[in-house]
């Protein structure tokens, strides 16, 4: 007789994980591999390329400062957005966690409500707020505080503001989940040993909530650096990020090999930062910070 399967049988585990592995292979790894191969194709003219292998695309990227400028600006905007999200996202999360309000779920619901509206529509709303005929300029003009409209739209600041509007809820939720995992008796013990509220926060709450904060920083950085819609709608040409450059290269110039090269570059760079985070924080901390 064949041995019956048990709950801990490795074959059962492989059967359960096989569908997920197949999805990852066909919809993630295979497309990335095909794109990596495409970076070595030869660009002939708009929409035409040859299968002749070449490193010209990579040589162009590494030697042309035009691409380097886009990459550094993208990383800078992503880092600034993530840091601002961390500063302005931690304390709302702490307030929701520490409040004695009975219906705390209502506060969490307010964070989720924006996700019910299309991201593109939410981004478009900033045009009506920051534009020359927008709410801010019209109000300031009527109050006599300015004599001509301020140029707030189509600037890097507008792009960062739009990204903050999009990413701040992610940061708040990440930090809140991390705070919820803290054993509150540790704080009570610190207070009973003579710590003030500020000392208990600094010595207990803040260190234990850092995994969620770090996971939120990583998530906001990656999403901001890889964004396309926000800089396209709220920024001018000089405020375009690497994602916009990839789109223009593929859809504007129809240069698929170079577009694939730029895509792989962005994927590797963002993956590098994620790998550093994993190395020093650990994958378990990422899962914990993301609510796992």
C-alpha atoms as a PDB file:
ATOM      1  CA  UNK A   1       0.000   0.000   0.000  1.00  0.00           C
ATOM      2  CA  UNK A   2       1.143   3.526  -0.725  1.00  0.00           C
ATOM      3  CA  UNK A   3       1.774   5.745   2.209  1.00  0.00           C
ATOM      4  CA  UNK A   4      -1.065   8.209   2.785  1.00  0.00           C
ATOM      5  CA  UNK A   5      -0.459  11.918   2.701  1.00  0.00           C
ATOM      6  CA  UNK A   6      -0.309  13.865   5.924  1.00  0.00           C
ATOM      7  CA  UNK A   7      -0.867  17.518   6.633  1.00  0.00           C
ATOM      8  CA  UNK A   8       2.900  18.080   6.749  1.00  0.00           C
ATOM      9  CA  UNK A   9       3.736  16.086   3.620  1.00  0.00           C
ATOM     10  CA  UNK A  10       6.162  18.087   1.396  1.00  0.00           C
ATOM     11  CA  UNK A  11       4.257  16.952  -1.698  1.00  0.00           C
ATOM     12  CA  UNK A  12       1.114  18.625  -0.388  1.00  0.00           C
ATOM     13  CA  UNK A  13       3.047  21.812   0.277  1.00  0.00           C
ATOM     14  CA  UNK A  14       4.374  21.842  -3.295  1.00  0.00           C
ATOM     15  CA  UNK A  15       0.878  21.248  -4.666  1.00  0.00           C
ATOM     16  CA  UNK A  16      -0.453  24.230  -2.718  1.00  0.00           C
ATOM     17  CA  UNK A  17       2.357  26.565  -3.725  1.00  0.00           C
ATOM     18  CA  UNK A  18       2.552  25.424  -7.368  1.00  0.00           C
ATOM     19  CA  UNK A  19      -0.237  27.729  -8.689  1.00  0.00           C
ATOM     20  CA  UNK A  20       1.430  30.771  -7.127  1.00  0.00           C
ATOM     21  CA  UNK A  21       4.821  29.772  -8.510  1.00  0.00           C
ATOM     22  CA  UNK A  22       3.370  29.341 -11.989  1.00  0.00           C
ATOM     23  CA  UNK A  23       1.743  32.774 -11.818  1.00  0.00           C
ATOM     24  CA  UNK A  24       5.040  34.341 -10.717  1.00  0.00           C
ATOM     25  CA  UNK A  25       6.960  32.585 -13.474  1.00  0.00           C
ATOM     26  CA  UNK A  26       4.602  33.431 -16.331  1.00  0.00           C
ATOM     27  CA  UNK A  27       3.506  36.920 -15.280  1.00  0.00           C
ATOM     28  CA  UNK A  28       6.629  38.259 -13.525  1.00  0.00           C
ATOM     29  CA  UNK A  29       9.864  36.365 -14.152  1.00  0.00           C
ATOM     30  CA  UNK A  30       9.234  35.502 -17.803  1.00  0.00           C
ATOM     31  CA  UNK A  31       8.282  39.077 -18.862  1.00  0.00           C
ATOM     32  CA  UNK A  32      11.314  40.476 -17.016  1.00  0.00           C
ATOM     33  CA  UNK A  33      13.570  37.904 -18.697  1.00  0.00           C
ATOM     34  CA  UNK A  34      12.132  38.758 -22.128  1.00  0.00           C
ATOM     35  CA  UNK A  35      12.652  42.464 -21.444  1.00  0.00           C
ATOM     36  CA  UNK A  36      16.243  41.803 -20.379  1.00  0.00           C
ATOM     37  CA  UNK A  37      16.904  39.978 -23.662  1.00  0.00           C
ATOM     38  CA  UNK A  38      15.306  42.838 -25.587  1.00  0.00           C
ATOM     39  CA  UNK A  39      17.886  45.263 -24.184  1.00  0.00           C
ATOM     40  CA  UNK A  40      20.486  43.637 -26.456  1.00  0.00           C
ATOM     41  CA  UNK A  41      18.455  44.092 -29.651  1.00  0.00           C
ATOM     42  CA  UNK A  42      19.567  46.615 -32.258  1.00  0.00           C
ATOM     43  CA  UNK A  43      17.368  49.655 -32.810  1.00  0.00           C
ATOM     44  CA  UNK A  44      17.029  50.486 -36.519  1.00  0.00           C
ATOM     45  CA  UNK A  45      14.329  53.120 -36.794  1.00  0.00           C
ATOM     46  CA  UNK A  46      11.048  54.034 -35.080  1.00  0.00           C
ATOM     47  CA  UNK A  47       9.227  50.787 -34.355  1.00  0.00           C
ATOM     48  CA  UNK A  48      11.834  48.637 -36.118  1.00  0.00           C
ATOM     49  CA  UNK A  49      14.550  46.620 -34.410  1.00  0.00           C
ATOM     50  CA  UNK A  50      16.769  43.675 -35.305  1.00  0.00           C
ATOM     51  CA  UNK A  51      17.541  40.558 -33.333  1.00  0.00           C
ATOM     52  CA  UNK A  52      21.254  41.239 -33.800  1.00  0.00           C
ATOM     53  CA  UNK A  53      22.751  41.276 -30.320  1.00  0.00           C
ATOM     54  CA  UNK A  54      24.503  44.456 -29.236  1.00  0.00           C
ATOM     55  CA  UNK A  55      25.485  46.301 -26.074  1.00  0.00           C
ATOM     56  CA  UNK A  56      24.890  49.692 -27.697  1.00  0.00           C
ATOM     57  CA  UNK A  57      21.829  50.383 -25.556  1.00  0.00           C
ATOM     58  CA  UNK A  58      23.734  49.758 -22.340  1.00  0.00           C
ATOM     59  CA  UNK A  59      26.699  51.763 -23.595  1.00  0.00           C
ATOM     60  CA  UNK A  60      24.377  54.676 -24.357  1.00  0.00           C
ATOM     61  CA  UNK A  61      22.863  54.567 -20.878  1.00  0.00           C
ATOM     62  CA  UNK A  62      26.183  54.421 -19.028  1.00  0.00           C
ATOM     63  CA  UNK A  63      27.825  57.154 -21.116  1.00  0.00           C
ATOM     64  CA  UNK A  64      24.959  59.626 -21.582  1.00  0.00           C
ATOM     65  CA  UNK A  65      24.510  62.005 -18.643  1.00  0.00           C
ATOM     66  CA  UNK A  66      20.983  62.726 -19.888  1.00  0.00           C
ATOM     67  CA  UNK A  67      19.805  59.401 -18.476  1.00  0.00           C
ATOM     68  CA  UNK A  68      21.863  59.804 -15.305  1.00  0.00           C
ATOM     69  CA  UNK A  69      20.161  63.119 -14.576  1.00  0.00           C
ATOM     70  CA  UNK A  70      16.720  61.543 -14.859  1.00  0.00           C
ATOM     71  CA  UNK A  71      17.732  58.650 -12.604  1.00  0.00           C
ATOM     72  CA  UNK A  72      19.238  60.825  -9.865  1.00  0.00           C
ATOM     73  CA  UNK A  73      16.273  63.195  -9.927  1.00  0.00           C
ATOM     74  CA  UNK A  74      13.884  60.243  -9.664  1.00  0.00           C
ATOM     75  CA  UNK A  75      15.745  58.834  -6.660  1.00  0.00           C
ATOM     76  CA  UNK A  76      15.848  62.281  -5.044  1.00  0.00           C
ATOM     77  CA  UNK A  77      12.116  62.867  -5.487  1.00  0.00           C
ATOM     78  CA  UNK A  78      11.382  59.342  -4.257  1.00  0.00           C
ATOM     79  CA  UNK A  79      13.554  59.810  -1.170  1.00  0.00           C
ATOM     80  CA  UNK A  80      12.078  63.233  -0.364  1.00  0.00           C
ATOM     81  CA  UNK A  81       8.544  61.898  -0.748  1.00  0.00           C
ATOM     82  CA  UNK A  82       9.255  58.884   1.460  1.00  0.00           C
ATOM     83  CA  UNK A  83      10.863  60.993   4.201  1.00  0.00           C
ATOM     84  CA  UNK A  84       8.014  63.512   4.238  1.00  0.00           C
ATOM     85  CA  UNK A  85       5.521  60.636   4.364  1.00  0.00           C
ATOM     86  CA  UNK A  86       7.440  59.214   7.319  1.00  0.00           C
ATOM     87  CA  UNK A  87       7.365  62.515   9.220  1.00  0.00           C
ATOM     88  CA  UNK A  88       3.724  63.326   8.545  1.00  0.00           C
ATOM     89  CA  UNK A  89       2.489  59.733   8.629  1.00  0.00           C
ATOM     90  CA  UNK A  90       3.876  58.525  11.948  1.00  0.00           C
ATOM     91  CA  UNK A  91       1.980  60.819  14.275  1.00  0.00           C
ATOM     92  CA  UNK A  92      -1.508  60.271  12.764  1.00  0.00           C
ATOM     93  CA  UNK A  93      -0.846  56.541  13.048  1.00  0.00           C
ATOM     94  CA  UNK A  94       0.249  56.989  16.658  1.00  0.00           C
ATOM     95  CA  UNK A  95      -2.854  59.059  17.407  1.00  0.00           C
ATOM     96  CA  UNK A  96      -5.168  56.391  15.975  1.00  0.00           C
ATOM     97  CA  UNK A  97      -3.359  53.712  17.977  1.00  0.00           C
ATOM     98  CA  UNK A  98      -3.250  55.638  21.259  1.00  0.00           C
ATOM     99  CA  UNK A  99      -6.695  57.247  21.182  1.00  0.00           C
ATOM    100  CA  UNK A 100      -9.367  56.001  23.557  1.00  0.00           C
ATOM    101  CA  UNK A 101     -12.062  56.691  20.960  1.00  0.00           C
ATOM    102  CA  UNK A 102     -14.409  53.706  21.058  1.00  0.00           C
ATOM    103  CA  UNK A 103     -15.048  53.531  17.303  1.00  0.00           C
ATOM    104  CA  UNK A 104     -11.440  53.554  16.155  1.00  0.00           C
ATOM    105  CA  UNK A 105     -12.448  51.764  12.978  1.00  0.00           C
ATOM    106  CA  UNK A 106     -14.059  54.982  11.758  1.00  0.00           C
ATOM    107  CA  UNK A 107     -10.654  56.671  11.744  1.00  0.00           C
ATOM    108  CA  UNK A 108      -9.199  53.783   9.763  1.00  0.00           C
ATOM    109  CA  UNK A 109     -12.135  53.978   7.372  1.00  0.00           C
ATOM    110  CA  UNK A 110     -11.288  57.613   6.663  1.00  0.00           C
ATOM    111  CA  UNK A 111      -7.842  56.451   5.539  1.00  0.00           C
ATOM    112  CA  UNK A 112      -9.302  53.849   3.194  1.00  0.00           C
ATOM    113  CA  UNK A 113     -12.011  56.046   1.635  1.00  0.00           C
ATOM    114  CA  UNK A 114      -9.599  57.804  -0.793  1.00  0.00           C
ATOM    115  CA  UNK A 115      -8.796  54.422  -2.347  1.00  0.00           C
ATOM    116  CA  UNK A 116     -12.425  54.174  -3.464  1.00  0.00           C
ATOM    117  CA  UNK A 117     -11.780  57.028  -5.897  1.00  0.00           C
ATOM    118  CA  UNK A 118      -9.669  56.588  -9.023  1.00  0.00           C
ATOM    119  CA  UNK A 119      -6.054  57.589  -8.495  1.00  0.00           C
ATOM    120  CA  UNK A 120      -6.107  59.550 -11.765  1.00  0.00           C
ATOM    121  CA  UNK A 121      -9.181  61.527 -10.684  1.00  0.00           C
ATOM    122  CA  UNK A 122      -7.562  62.332  -7.338  1.00  0.00           C
ATOM    123  CA  UNK A 123      -4.455  63.555  -9.144  1.00  0.00           C
ATOM    124  CA  UNK A 124      -6.523  65.685 -11.533  1.00  0.00           C
ATOM    125  CA  UNK A 125      -8.145  67.378  -8.522  1.00  0.00           C
ATOM    126  CA  UNK A 126      -4.818  69.038  -7.695  1.00  0.00           C
ATOM    127  CA  UNK A 127      -4.991  70.922 -10.992  1.00  0.00           C
ATOM    128  CA  UNK A 128      -8.143  72.660  -9.718  1.00  0.00           C
ATOM    129  CA  UNK A 129      -6.379  73.435  -6.444  1.00  0.00           C
ATOM    130  CA  UNK A 130      -2.923  74.548  -7.605  1.00  0.00           C
ATOM    131  CA  UNK A 131      -3.697  76.021 -11.041  1.00  0.00           C
ATOM    132  CA  UNK A 132      -3.706  79.732 -11.879  1.00  0.00           C
ATOM    133  CA  UNK A 133      -7.501  79.673 -11.594  1.00  0.00           C
ATOM    134  CA  UNK A 134      -7.376  77.175  -8.752  1.00  0.00           C
ATOM    135  CA  UNK A 135      -8.769  77.487  -5.255  1.00  0.00           C
ATOM    136  CA  UNK A 136      -5.542  78.704  -3.629  1.00  0.00           C
ATOM    137  CA  UNK A 137      -4.715  81.403  -6.183  1.00  0.00           C
ATOM    138  CA  UNK A 138      -8.295  82.683  -6.392  1.00  0.00           C
ATOM    139  CA  UNK A 139      -8.527  82.909  -2.591  1.00  0.00           C
ATOM    140  CA  UNK A 140      -5.200  84.724  -2.234  1.00  0.00           C
ATOM    141  CA  UNK A 141      -6.105  87.157  -5.024  1.00  0.00           C
ATOM    142  CA  UNK A 142      -9.470  88.001  -3.466  1.00  0.00           C
ATOM    143  CA  UNK A 143      -7.840  88.548  -0.081  1.00  0.00           C
ATOM    144  CA  UNK A 144      -5.347  90.887  -1.710  1.00  0.00           C
ATOM    145  CA  UNK A 145      -2.357  88.873  -0.489  1.00  0.00           C
ATOM    146  CA  UNK A 146      -0.981  88.497  -4.024  1.00  0.00           C
ATOM    147  CA  UNK A 147      -1.353  90.571  -7.193  1.00  0.00           C
ATOM    148  CA  UNK A 148      -0.863  87.797  -9.748  1.00  0.00           C
ATOM    149  CA  UNK A 149      -1.338  84.022  -9.642  1.00  0.00           C
ATOM    150  CA  UNK A 150       1.465  81.977  -8.133  1.00  0.00           C
ATOM    151  CA  UNK A 151       3.105  79.301 -10.273  1.00  0.00           C
ATOM    152  CA  UNK A 152       2.392  76.241  -8.155  1.00  0.00           C
ATOM    153  CA  UNK A 153       1.252  73.802 -10.827  1.00  0.00           C
ATOM    154  CA  UNK A 154       3.705  72.032 -13.153  1.00  0.00           C
ATOM    155  CA  UNK A 155       6.535  72.189 -10.645  1.00  0.00           C
ATOM    156  CA  UNK A 156       8.495  69.598  -8.712  1.00  0.00           C
ATOM    157  CA  UNK A 157       6.702  70.701  -5.559  1.00  0.00           C
ATOM    158  CA  UNK A 158       3.345  69.927  -7.166  1.00  0.00           C
ATOM    159  CA  UNK A 159       4.613  66.470  -8.128  1.00  0.00           C
ATOM    160  CA  UNK A 160       5.778  65.750  -4.573  1.00  0.00           C
ATOM    161  CA  UNK A 161       2.493  67.049  -3.164  1.00  0.00           C
ATOM    162  CA  UNK A 162       0.529  64.753  -5.475  1.00  0.00           C
ATOM    163  CA  UNK A 163       2.693  61.801  -4.476  1.00  0.00           C
ATOM    164  CA  UNK A 164       2.192  62.619  -0.789  1.00  0.00           C
ATOM    165  CA  UNK A 165      -1.569  62.658  -1.308  1.00  0.00           C
ATOM    166  CA  UNK A 166      -1.320  59.207  -2.870  1.00  0.00           C
ATOM    167  CA  UNK A 167       1.221  57.568  -0.544  1.00  0.00           C
ATOM    168  CA  UNK A 168       0.521  59.026   2.907  1.00  0.00           C
ATOM    169  CA  UNK A 169      -2.284  56.526   3.693  1.00  0.00           C
ATOM    170  CA  UNK A 170       0.128  53.660   2.964  1.00  0.00           C
ATOM    171  CA  UNK A 171       2.603  55.049   5.462  1.00  0.00           C
ATOM    172  CA  UNK A 172      -0.034  55.614   8.141  1.00  0.00           C
ATOM    173  CA  UNK A 173      -1.431  52.101   7.769  1.00  0.00           C
ATOM    174  CA  UNK A 174       2.043  50.513   7.868  1.00  0.00           C
ATOM    175  CA  UNK A 175       2.986  52.336  11.056  1.00  0.00           C
ATOM    176  CA  UNK A 176      -0.401  51.686  12.650  1.00  0.00           C
ATOM    177  CA  UNK A 177      -0.159  47.935  12.056  1.00  0.00           C
ATOM    178  CA  UNK A 178       3.314  47.933  13.593  1.00  0.00           C
ATOM    179  CA  UNK A 179       2.061  49.869  16.624  1.00  0.00           C
ATOM    180  CA  UNK A 180      -0.849  47.464  17.067  1.00  0.00           C
ATOM    181  CA  UNK A 181       1.606  44.581  17.422  1.00  0.00           C
ATOM    182  CA  UNK A 182       3.236  46.198  20.473  1.00  0.00           C
ATOM    183  CA  UNK A 183       2.401  44.658  23.831  1.00  0.00           C
ATOM    184  CA  UNK A 184       0.968  47.589  25.784  1.00  0.00           C
ATOM    185  CA  UNK A 185       2.065  46.010  29.068  1.00  0.00           C
ATOM    186  CA  UNK A 186       5.636  46.921  28.098  1.00  0.00           C
ATOM    187  CA  UNK A 187       4.654  50.582  28.133  1.00  0.00           C
ATOM    188  CA  UNK A 188       2.856  50.155  31.439  1.00  0.00           C
ATOM    189  CA  UNK A 189       5.961  48.492  32.868  1.00  0.00           C
ATOM    190  CA  UNK A 190       8.135  51.374  31.692  1.00  0.00           C
ATOM    191  CA  UNK A 191       5.780  53.888  33.281  1.00  0.00           C
ATOM    192  CA  UNK A 192       5.699  51.925  36.544  1.00  0.00           C
ATOM    193  CA  UNK A 193       9.501  52.081  36.672  1.00  0.00           C
ATOM    194  CA  UNK A 194       9.428  55.870  36.612  1.00  0.00           C
ATOM    195  CA  UNK A 195       9.538  56.680  32.896  1.00  0.00           C
ATOM    196  CA  UNK A 196       7.589  59.680  31.728  1.00  0.00           C
ATOM    197  CA  UNK A 197       5.265  59.384  28.738  1.00  0.00           C
ATOM    198  CA  UNK A 198       7.956  60.870  26.486  1.00  0.00           C
ATOM    199  CA  UNK A 199      10.597  58.479  27.826  1.00  0.00           C
ATOM    200  CA  UNK A 200       8.308  55.474  27.396  1.00  0.00           C
ATOM    201  CA  UNK A 201       7.651  56.531  23.822  1.00  0.00           C
ATOM    202  CA  UNK A 202      11.349  57.018  23.084  1.00  0.00           C
ATOM    203  CA  UNK A 203      12.557  53.833  24.767  1.00  0.00           C
ATOM    204  CA  UNK A 204       9.691  51.421  24.034  1.00  0.00           C
ATOM    205  CA  UNK A 205       7.109  52.531  21.496  1.00  0.00           C
ATOM    206  CA  UNK A 206       9.365  54.119  18.887  1.00  0.00           C
ATOM    207  CA  UNK A 207      11.940  51.283  18.640  1.00  0.00           C
ATOM    208  CA  UNK A 208       9.222  48.626  18.423  1.00  0.00           C
ATOM    209  CA  UNK A 209       7.366  50.536  15.707  1.00  0.00           C
ATOM    210  CA  UNK A 210      10.425  51.064  13.511  1.00  0.00           C
ATOM    211  CA  UNK A 211       9.772  47.953  11.357  1.00  0.00           C
ATOM    212  CA  UNK A 212       6.472  49.420  10.197  1.00  0.00           C
ATOM    213  CA  UNK A 213       8.044  52.830   9.646  1.00  0.00           C
ATOM    214  CA  UNK A 214      10.893  51.309   7.649  1.00  0.00           C
ATOM    215  CA  UNK A 215       8.505  49.199   5.568  1.00  0.00           C
ATOM    216  CA  UNK A 216       6.421  52.302   4.890  1.00  0.00           C
ATOM    217  CA  UNK A 217       9.510  54.257   3.840  1.00  0.00           C
ATOM    218  CA  UNK A 218      10.531  51.512   1.434  1.00  0.00           C
ATOM    219  CA  UNK A 219       7.034  51.199  -0.014  1.00  0.00           C
ATOM    220  CA  UNK A 220       6.622  54.961  -0.472  1.00  0.00           C
ATOM    221  CA  UNK A 221      10.081  55.307  -2.000  1.00  0.00           C
ATOM    222  CA  UNK A 222       9.559  52.525  -4.534  1.00  0.00           C
ATOM    223  CA  UNK A 223       6.080  53.706  -5.529  1.00  0.00           C
ATOM    224  CA  UNK A 224       7.194  57.342  -5.811  1.00  0.00           C
ATOM    225  CA  UNK A 225      10.324  56.541  -7.811  1.00  0.00           C
ATOM    226  CA  UNK A 226       8.345  54.314 -10.164  1.00  0.00           C
ATOM    227  CA  UNK A 227       5.414  56.698 -10.618  1.00  0.00           C
ATOM    228  CA  UNK A 228       4.256  57.918 -14.027  1.00  0.00           C
ATOM    229  CA  UNK A 229       0.785  59.478 -13.728  1.00  0.00           C
ATOM    230  CA  UNK A 230       1.554  62.103 -11.066  1.00  0.00           C
ATOM    231  CA  UNK A 231       4.603  63.706 -12.738  1.00  0.00           C
ATOM    232  CA  UNK A 232       2.836  63.475 -16.094  1.00  0.00           C
ATOM    233  CA  UNK A 233      -0.201  65.438 -14.867  1.00  0.00           C
ATOM    234  CA  UNK A 234       1.287  67.784 -12.259  1.00  0.00           C
ATOM    235  CA  UNK A 235       4.815  68.331 -13.564  1.00  0.00           C
ATOM    236  CA  UNK A 236       6.348  70.054 -16.562  1.00  0.00           C
ATOM    237  CA  UNK A 237       8.857  68.420 -18.897  1.00  0.00           C
ATOM    238  CA  UNK A 238      11.727  69.249 -16.544  1.00  0.00           C
ATOM    239  CA  UNK A 239       9.850  67.562 -13.693  1.00  0.00           C
ATOM    240  CA  UNK A 240       9.431  64.234 -15.506  1.00  0.00           C
ATOM    241  CA  UNK A 241      10.709  61.159 -13.686  1.00  0.00           C
ATOM    242  CA  UNK A 242      12.308  57.966 -14.966  1.00  0.00           C
ATOM    243  CA  UNK A 243       8.933  56.341 -15.593  1.00  0.00           C
ATOM    244  CA  UNK A 244       7.989  59.200 -17.913  1.00  0.00           C
ATOM    245  CA  UNK A 245      11.305  58.819 -19.729  1.00  0.00           C
ATOM    246  CA  UNK A 246      10.608  55.111 -20.261  1.00  0.00           C
ATOM    247  CA  UNK A 247       7.140  55.867 -21.616  1.00  0.00           C
ATOM    248  CA  UNK A 248       8.430  58.548 -24.000  1.00  0.00           C
ATOM    249  CA  UNK A 249      11.219  56.267 -25.218  1.00  0.00           C
ATOM    250  CA  UNK A 250       8.847  53.392 -25.975  1.00  0.00           C
ATOM    251  CA  UNK A 251       5.659  55.169 -27.058  1.00  0.00           C
ATOM    252  CA  UNK A 252       7.146  58.412 -28.399  1.00  0.00           C
ATOM    253  CA  UNK A 253      10.345  57.278 -30.094  1.00  0.00           C
ATOM    254  CA  UNK A 254       9.167  53.661 -30.548  1.00  0.00           C
ATOM    255  CA  UNK A 255      12.633  52.618 -29.381  1.00  0.00           C
ATOM    256  CA  UNK A 256      11.744  49.379 -27.634  1.00  0.00           C
ATOM    257  CA  UNK A 257      15.313  48.149 -26.987  1.00  0.00           C
ATOM    258  CA  UNK A 258      16.310  51.386 -25.236  1.00  0.00           C
ATOM    259  CA  UNK A 259      12.986  51.490 -23.389  1.00  0.00           C
ATOM    260  CA  UNK A 260      13.600  47.936 -22.188  1.00  0.00           C
ATOM    261  CA  UNK A 261      17.089  48.935 -21.055  1.00  0.00           C
ATOM    262  CA  UNK A 262      15.763  51.853 -19.025  1.00  0.00           C
ATOM    263  CA  UNK A 263      13.061  49.623 -17.520  1.00  0.00           C
ATOM    264  CA  UNK A 264      15.621  47.055 -16.391  1.00  0.00           C
ATOM    265  CA  UNK A 265      17.778  49.839 -14.928  1.00  0.00           C
ATOM    266  CA  UNK A 266      14.890  51.167 -12.842  1.00  0.00           C
ATOM    267  CA  UNK A 267      13.942  47.630 -11.784  1.00  0.00           C
ATOM    268  CA  UNK A 268      17.507  46.833 -10.687  1.00  0.00           C
ATOM    269  CA  UNK A 269      18.027  50.134  -8.854  1.00  0.00           C
ATOM    270  CA  UNK A 270      14.779  49.894  -6.887  1.00  0.00           C
ATOM    271  CA  UNK A 271      15.439  46.198  -6.267  1.00  0.00           C
ATOM    272  CA  UNK A 272      18.860  47.138  -4.898  1.00  0.00           C
ATOM    273  CA  UNK A 273      17.322  49.421  -2.272  1.00  0.00           C
ATOM    274  CA  UNK A 274      14.762  46.745  -1.392  1.00  0.00           C
ATOM    275  CA  UNK A 275      17.590  44.202  -1.015  1.00  0.00           C
ATOM    276  CA  UNK A 276      19.490  46.519   1.341  1.00  0.00           C
ATOM    277  CA  UNK A 277      16.362  46.910   3.451  1.00  0.00           C
ATOM    278  CA  UNK A 278      15.858  43.136   3.532  1.00  0.00           C
ATOM    279  CA  UNK A 279      19.504  42.613   4.477  1.00  0.00           C
ATOM    280  CA  UNK A 280      19.398  44.893   7.513  1.00  0.00           C
ATOM    281  CA  UNK A 281      15.765  44.610   8.601  1.00  0.00           C
ATOM    282  CA  UNK A 282      14.967  41.043   7.584  1.00  0.00           C
ATOM    283  CA  UNK A 283      12.102  39.716   5.495  1.00  0.00           C
ATOM    284  CA  UNK A 284      10.088  38.963   8.634  1.00  0.00           C
ATOM    285  CA  UNK A 285      10.207  42.645   9.526  1.00  0.00           C
ATOM    286  CA  UNK A 286       8.884  43.564   6.080  1.00  0.00           C
ATOM    287  CA  UNK A 287       5.969  41.189   6.485  1.00  0.00           C
ATOM    288  CA  UNK A 288       5.328  42.511   9.983  1.00  0.00           C
ATOM    289  CA  UNK A 289       5.482  46.107   8.834  1.00  0.00           C
ATOM    290  CA  UNK A 290       3.115  45.431   5.943  1.00  0.00           C
ATOM    291  CA  UNK A 291       0.606  43.853   8.258  1.00  0.00           C
ATOM    292  CA  UNK A 292       1.512  40.194   7.890  1.00  0.00           C
END
